[in-house]
Amino acid sequence: QVQLVESGGGLAQAGGSLRLSCAASGVIFRWYTMKWYRQAPGKERELVASMSTAGGGTVYADSVKGRFTISRDDAKATVYLQMTNLKPEDTAMYYCAAQWVTATYWGQGTQVTVSS
């Protein structure tokens, strides 16, 4: 059974930082491209950051470039999202996703709220 469990969300002030974690089980983690998405109320889910296998290439949404960093620890089957210089518009539910070929698995999400 595949499980992705996010943690680390919460309330932060503008300019602050948070670190999200997503622990995976039931998958051969190193095979999977790991992604972070977010969805704000009334908006579509958007890709925030992605990291391919073996610490490969990363992709970031323009809105988070230079502020967010995705990383992974294959030994711990965990992907991270370090968020700095947070802005109120970063407020959203953040989801991690694991993708391999046509299979995509999702976590339950963790809420991030940034106050101005």
N, C-alpha and C. Protein backbone atom coordinates (compact mmCIF):
# COMPACT_ATOMS: atom_id res chain seq x y z
N GLN A 1 0.85 -1.19 0.00
CA GLN A 1 0.00 0.00 0.00
C GLN A 1 0.88 1.24 0.00
N VAL A 2 0.63 2.11 -0.97
CA VAL A 2 1.42 3.32 -1.10
C VAL A 2 0.89 4.39 -0.14
N GLN A 3 1.81 5.00 0.57
CA GLN A 3 1.43 6.11 1.44
C GLN A 3 2.43 7.24 1.31
N LEU A 4 1.91 8.44 1.20
CA LEU A 4 2.72 9.65 1.23
C LEU A 4 2.16 10.50 2.37
N VAL A 5 3.00 10.85 3.32
CA VAL A 5 2.54 11.59 4.48
C VAL A 5 3.33 12.89 4.59
N GLU A 6 2.61 14.00 4.40
CA GLU A 6 3.24 15.32 4.51
C GLU A 6 3.21 15.81 5.95
N SER A 7 4.18 16.64 6.27
CA SER A 7 4.23 17.29 7.57
C SER A 7 5.00 18.59 7.44
N GLY A 8 4.91 19.41 8.48
CA GLY A 8 5.70 20.64 8.50
C GLY A 8 4.93 21.90 8.18
N GLY A 9 3.69 21.76 7.79
CA GLY A 9 2.90 22.94 7.51
C GLY A 9 2.54 23.69 8.78
N GLY A 10 1.93 24.84 8.61
CA GLY A 10 1.52 25.61 9.77
C GLY A 10 1.37 27.07 9.42
N LEU A 11 1.44 27.89 10.44
CA LEU A 11 1.28 29.33 10.29
C LEU A 11 2.65 29.99 10.33
N ALA A 12 2.89 30.87 9.38
CA ALA A 12 4.14 31.62 9.35
C ALA A 12 3.84 33.08 9.01
N GLN A 13 4.73 33.94 9.42
CA GLN A 13 4.60 35.35 9.05
C GLN A 13 5.28 35.58 7.72
N ALA A 14 4.84 36.59 7.02
CA ALA A 14 5.49 36.98 5.78
C ALA A 14 6.97 37.22 6.03
N GLY A 15 7.79 36.68 5.14
CA GLY A 15 9.23 36.76 5.31
C GLY A 15 9.82 35.59 6.07
N GLY A 16 8.97 34.77 6.64
CA GLY A 16 9.43 33.64 7.42
C GLY A 16 9.71 32.41 6.58
N SER A 17 9.97 31.32 7.27
CA SER A 17 10.32 30.07 6.59
C SER A 17 9.57 28.89 7.18
N LEU A 18 9.38 27.91 6.36
CA LEU A 18 8.83 26.62 6.78
C LEU A 18 9.51 25.53 5.96
N ARG A 19 9.60 24.35 6.54
CA ARG A 19 10.14 23.20 5.81
C ARG A 19 9.11 22.08 5.82
N LEU A 20 8.66 21.72 4.65
CA LEU A 20 7.73 20.63 4.51
C LEU A 20 8.49 19.33 4.26
N SER A 21 7.93 18.25 4.77
CA SER A 21 8.48 16.92 4.54
C SER A 21 7.38 16.01 4.01
N CYS A 22 7.77 15.04 3.23
CA CYS A 22 6.84 14.05 2.73
C CYS A 22 7.53 12.70 2.77
N ALA A 23 7.05 11.85 3.66
CA ALA A 23 7.62 10.52 3.82
C ALA A 23 6.81 9.51 3.02
N ALA A 24 7.50 8.71 2.22
CA ALA A 24 6.83 7.74 1.36
C ALA A 24 7.06 6.33 1.87
N SER A 25 6.07 5.49 1.66
CA SER A 25 6.20 4.07 1.95
C SER A 25 5.41 3.30 0.90
N GLY A 26 5.81 2.03 0.71
CA GLY A 26 5.10 1.20 -0.26
C GLY A 26 5.53 1.42 -1.69
N VAL A 27 6.59 2.21 -1.91
CA VAL A 27 7.12 2.45 -3.26
C VAL A 27 8.63 2.31 -3.23
N ILE A 28 9.21 2.01 -4.39
CA ILE A 28 10.66 2.06 -4.52
C ILE A 28 11.00 3.52 -4.78
N PHE A 29 11.26 4.23 -3.72
CA PHE A 29 11.29 5.69 -3.75
C PHE A 29 12.24 6.23 -4.80
N ARG A 30 13.39 5.61 -4.94
CA ARG A 30 14.41 6.17 -5.83
C ARG A 30 13.98 6.13 -7.30
N TRP A 31 12.96 5.37 -7.61
CA TRP A 31 12.46 5.30 -8.98
C TRP A 31 11.56 6.50 -9.33
N TYR A 32 11.07 7.18 -8.33
CA TYR A 32 9.99 8.13 -8.52
C TYR A 32 10.48 9.57 -8.62
N THR A 33 9.92 10.30 -9.58
CA THR A 33 10.03 11.75 -9.59
C THR A 33 9.10 12.27 -8.49
N MET A 34 9.63 13.14 -7.67
CA MET A 34 8.85 13.68 -6.56
C MET A 34 8.48 15.13 -6.83
N LYS A 35 7.25 15.45 -6.49
CA LYS A 35 6.73 16.79 -6.80
C LYS A 35 5.99 17.36 -5.61
N TRP A 36 5.99 18.67 -5.53
CA TRP A 36 5.15 19.41 -4.59
C TRP A 36 4.17 20.25 -5.40
N TYR A 37 2.91 20.15 -5.04
CA TYR A 37 1.85 20.96 -5.61
C TYR A 37 1.22 21.77 -4.48
N ARG A 38 0.46 22.78 -4.88
CA ARG A 38 -0.33 23.52 -3.89
C ARG A 38 -1.66 23.92 -4.52
N GLN A 39 -2.62 24.10 -3.65
CA GLN A 39 -3.94 24.53 -4.10
C GLN A 39 -4.50 25.50 -3.08
N ALA A 40 -4.75 26.70 -3.55
CA ALA A 40 -5.36 27.73 -2.71
C ALA A 40 -6.87 27.69 -2.93
N PRO A 41 -7.64 28.17 -1.96
CA PRO A 41 -9.11 28.17 -2.11
C PRO A 41 -9.55 28.87 -3.38
N GLY A 42 -10.39 28.19 -4.14
CA GLY A 42 -10.92 28.79 -5.35
C GLY A 42 -9.98 28.76 -6.54
N LYS A 43 -8.82 28.15 -6.36
CA LYS A 43 -7.84 28.10 -7.45
C LYS A 43 -7.53 26.66 -7.81
N GLU A 44 -6.96 26.49 -8.99
CA GLU A 44 -6.56 25.16 -9.43
C GLU A 44 -5.25 24.74 -8.74
N ARG A 45 -5.08 23.43 -8.66
CA ARG A 45 -3.83 22.92 -8.12
C ARG A 45 -2.70 23.25 -9.08
N GLU A 46 -1.58 23.72 -8.53
CA GLU A 46 -0.46 24.08 -9.37
C GLU A 46 0.81 23.39 -8.90
N LEU A 47 1.68 23.11 -9.87
CA LEU A 47 2.97 22.52 -9.56
C LEU A 47 3.88 23.59 -8.96
N VAL A 48 4.45 23.28 -7.82
CA VAL A 48 5.37 24.20 -7.15
C VAL A 48 6.82 23.84 -7.47
N ALA A 49 7.15 22.56 -7.32
CA ALA A 49 8.53 22.12 -7.54
C ALA A 49 8.54 20.64 -7.84
N SER A 50 9.56 20.23 -8.59
CA SER A 50 9.69 18.84 -8.98
C SER A 50 11.16 18.45 -8.98
N MET A 51 11.44 17.23 -8.55
CA MET A 51 12.82 16.73 -8.59
C MET A 51 12.80 15.32 -9.16
N SER A 52 13.60 15.10 -10.19
CA SER A 52 13.62 13.78 -10.81
C SER A 52 14.49 12.83 -10.00
N THR A 53 14.66 11.63 -10.51
CA THR A 53 15.35 10.60 -9.76
C THR A 53 16.84 10.87 -9.67
N ALA A 54 17.47 10.19 -8.73
CA ALA A 54 18.92 10.27 -8.53
C ALA A 54 19.38 11.70 -8.38
N GLY A 55 18.60 12.50 -7.65
CA GLY A 55 18.99 13.88 -7.42
C GLY A 55 19.15 14.66 -8.70
N GLY A 56 18.34 14.32 -9.67
CA GLY A 56 18.47 14.94 -10.98
C GLY A 56 17.86 16.31 -11.06
N GLY A 57 17.33 16.59 -12.22
CA GLY A 57 16.89 17.94 -12.52
C GLY A 57 15.74 18.40 -11.64
N THR A 58 15.69 19.70 -11.41
CA THR A 58 14.61 20.29 -10.65
C THR A 58 13.88 21.31 -11.51
N VAL A 59 12.62 21.48 -11.20
CA VAL A 59 11.77 22.45 -11.86
C VAL A 59 11.01 23.22 -10.79
N TYR A 60 10.91 24.52 -10.97
CA TYR A 60 10.19 25.36 -10.02
C TYR A 60 9.20 26.24 -10.75
N ALA A 61 8.09 26.50 -10.09
CA ALA A 61 7.17 27.52 -10.59
C ALA A 61 7.87 28.87 -10.51
N ASP A 62 7.58 29.72 -11.46
CA ASP A 62 8.21 31.04 -11.47
C ASP A 62 7.97 31.79 -10.17
N SER A 63 6.81 31.58 -9.59
CA SER A 63 6.42 32.32 -8.39
C SER A 63 7.25 31.96 -7.16
N VAL A 64 7.95 30.82 -7.21
CA VAL A 64 8.71 30.39 -6.02
C VAL A 64 10.21 30.32 -6.28
N LYS A 65 10.63 30.55 -7.51
CA LYS A 65 12.07 30.48 -7.83
C LYS A 65 12.86 31.43 -6.95
N GLY A 66 13.95 30.91 -6.41
CA GLY A 66 14.81 31.70 -5.55
C GLY A 66 14.35 31.73 -4.10
N ARG A 67 13.16 31.21 -3.82
CA ARG A 67 12.64 31.19 -2.45
C ARG A 67 12.44 29.78 -1.91
N PHE A 68 12.05 28.86 -2.78
CA PHE A 68 11.78 27.48 -2.37
C PHE A 68 12.85 26.56 -2.93
N THR A 69 13.16 25.52 -2.17
CA THR A 69 14.13 24.52 -2.62
C THR A 69 13.58 23.13 -2.35
N ILE A 70 13.55 22.31 -3.37
CA ILE A 70 13.14 20.92 -3.21
C ILE A 70 14.38 20.06 -3.08
N SER A 71 14.30 19.06 -2.22
CA SER A 71 15.41 18.12 -2.07
C SER A 71 14.82 16.76 -1.69
N ARG A 72 15.64 15.74 -1.80
CA ARG A 72 15.16 14.40 -1.48
C ARG A 72 16.27 13.62 -0.81
N ASP A 73 15.87 12.69 0.04
CA ASP A 73 16.77 11.76 0.69
C ASP A 73 16.24 10.37 0.38
N ASP A 74 16.85 9.72 -0.61
CA ASP A 74 16.34 8.42 -1.03
C ASP A 74 16.49 7.36 0.08
N ALA A 75 17.50 7.49 0.91
CA ALA A 75 17.68 6.53 2.00
C ALA A 75 16.53 6.61 3.00
N LYS A 76 15.97 7.79 3.15
CA LYS A 76 14.86 7.98 4.08
C LYS A 76 13.51 7.99 3.36
N ALA A 77 13.54 7.84 2.04
CA ALA A 77 12.30 7.87 1.25
C ALA A 77 11.49 9.12 1.57
N THR A 78 12.17 10.25 1.59
CA THR A 78 11.53 11.50 1.98
C THR A 78 11.93 12.61 1.02
N VAL A 79 10.97 13.44 0.70
CA VAL A 79 11.22 14.64 -0.09
C VAL A 79 10.88 15.85 0.77
N TYR A 80 11.63 16.92 0.56
CA TYR A 80 11.48 18.12 1.37
C TYR A 80 11.17 19.32 0.48
N LEU A 81 10.55 20.30 1.08
CA LEU A 81 10.38 21.59 0.41
C LEU A 81 10.73 22.66 1.44
N GLN A 82 11.90 23.26 1.25
CA GLN A 82 12.31 24.37 2.09
C GLN A 82 11.74 25.65 1.52
N MET A 83 10.96 26.34 2.30
CA MET A 83 10.29 27.56 1.83
C MET A 83 10.81 28.74 2.65
N THR A 84 11.36 29.71 1.98
CA THR A 84 11.87 30.90 2.65
C THR A 84 11.20 32.14 2.06
N ASN A 85 11.38 33.25 2.76
CA ASN A 85 10.78 34.51 2.32
C ASN A 85 9.32 34.31 1.92
N LEU A 86 8.59 33.68 2.79
CA LEU A 86 7.20 33.36 2.49
C LEU A 86 6.36 34.61 2.30
N LYS A 87 5.38 34.49 1.43
CA LYS A 87 4.47 35.59 1.12
C LYS A 87 3.04 35.13 1.39
N PRO A 88 2.15 36.08 1.66
CA PRO A 88 0.74 35.68 1.88
C PRO A 88 0.17 34.87 0.73
N GLU A 89 0.63 35.14 -0.48
CA GLU A 89 0.11 34.39 -1.63
C GLU A 89 0.61 32.95 -1.69
N ASP A 90 1.51 32.58 -0.79
CA ASP A 90 1.93 31.19 -0.68
C ASP A 90 0.95 30.36 0.13
N THR A 91 -0.03 31.02 0.74
CA THR A 91 -1.03 30.31 1.53
C THR A 91 -1.80 29.34 0.66
N ALA A 92 -1.79 28.07 1.06
CA ALA A 92 -2.43 27.01 0.28
C ALA A 92 -2.30 25.69 1.02
N MET A 93 -3.00 24.70 0.51
CA MET A 93 -2.75 23.32 0.93
C MET A 93 -1.65 22.79 0.02
N TYR A 94 -0.63 22.22 0.63
CA TYR A 94 0.51 21.70 -0.12
C TYR A 94 0.45 20.18 -0.14
N TYR A 95 0.62 19.63 -1.33
CA TYR A 95 0.55 18.18 -1.52
C TYR A 95 1.86 17.69 -2.14
N CYS A 96 2.31 16.54 -1.69
CA CYS A 96 3.41 15.91 -2.41
C CYS A 96 2.83 14.81 -3.30
N ALA A 97 3.55 14.53 -4.36
CA ALA A 97 3.15 13.52 -5.31
C ALA A 97 4.37 12.73 -5.76
N ALA A 98 4.17 11.45 -5.96
CA ALA A 98 5.23 10.56 -6.46
C ALA A 98 4.80 10.03 -7.82
N GLN A 99 5.65 10.25 -8.81
CA GLN A 99 5.30 9.86 -10.17
C GLN A 99 6.34 8.91 -10.74
N TRP A 100 5.85 7.80 -11.33
CA TRP A 100 6.72 6.85 -12.05
C TRP A 100 5.94 6.33 -13.24
N VAL A 101 6.41 6.62 -14.41
CA VAL A 101 5.76 6.27 -15.68
C VAL A 101 4.35 6.87 -15.64
N THR A 102 3.32 6.05 -15.64
CA THR A 102 1.96 6.58 -15.65
C THR A 102 1.31 6.59 -14.28
N ALA A 103 2.03 6.15 -13.27
CA ALA A 103 1.46 6.07 -11.92
C ALA A 103 1.81 7.32 -11.13
N THR A 104 0.81 7.91 -10.52
CA THR A 104 1.01 9.06 -9.64
C THR A 104 0.27 8.82 -8.34
N TYR A 105 0.97 8.99 -7.25
CA TYR A 105 0.38 8.85 -5.92
C TYR A 105 0.44 10.20 -5.21
N TRP A 106 -0.57 10.45 -4.37
CA TRP A 106 -0.70 11.74 -3.69
C TRP A 106 -0.74 11.57 -2.18
N GLY A 107 -0.23 12.57 -1.51
CA GLY A 107 -0.40 12.65 -0.07
C GLY A 107 -1.71 13.35 0.25
N GLN A 108 -1.97 13.47 1.56
CA GLN A 108 -3.24 14.05 2.00
C GLN A 108 -3.17 15.57 2.11
N GLY A 109 -1.96 16.11 2.06
CA GLY A 109 -1.79 17.56 2.10
C GLY A 109 -1.47 18.09 3.47
N THR A 110 -0.79 19.23 3.48
CA THR A 110 -0.51 19.95 4.72
C THR A 110 -0.75 21.42 4.47
N GLN A 111 -1.43 22.08 5.39
CA GLN A 111 -1.82 23.46 5.20
C GLN A 111 -0.70 24.42 5.56
N VAL A 112 -0.46 25.37 4.68
CA VAL A 112 0.48 26.46 4.94
C VAL A 112 -0.29 27.77 4.89
N THR A 113 -0.19 28.54 5.95
CA THR A 113 -0.86 29.83 6.02
C THR A 113 0.18 30.89 6.35
N VAL A 114 0.26 31.90 5.51
CA VAL A 114 1.23 32.98 5.70
C VAL A 114 0.48 34.26 5.97
N SER A 115 0.77 34.85 7.12
CA SER A 115 0.10 36.09 7.50
C SER A 115 0.97 37.29 7.12
N SER A 116 0.29 38.38 6.79
CA SER A 116 1.03 39.59 6.38
C SER A 116 1.39 40.46 7.56
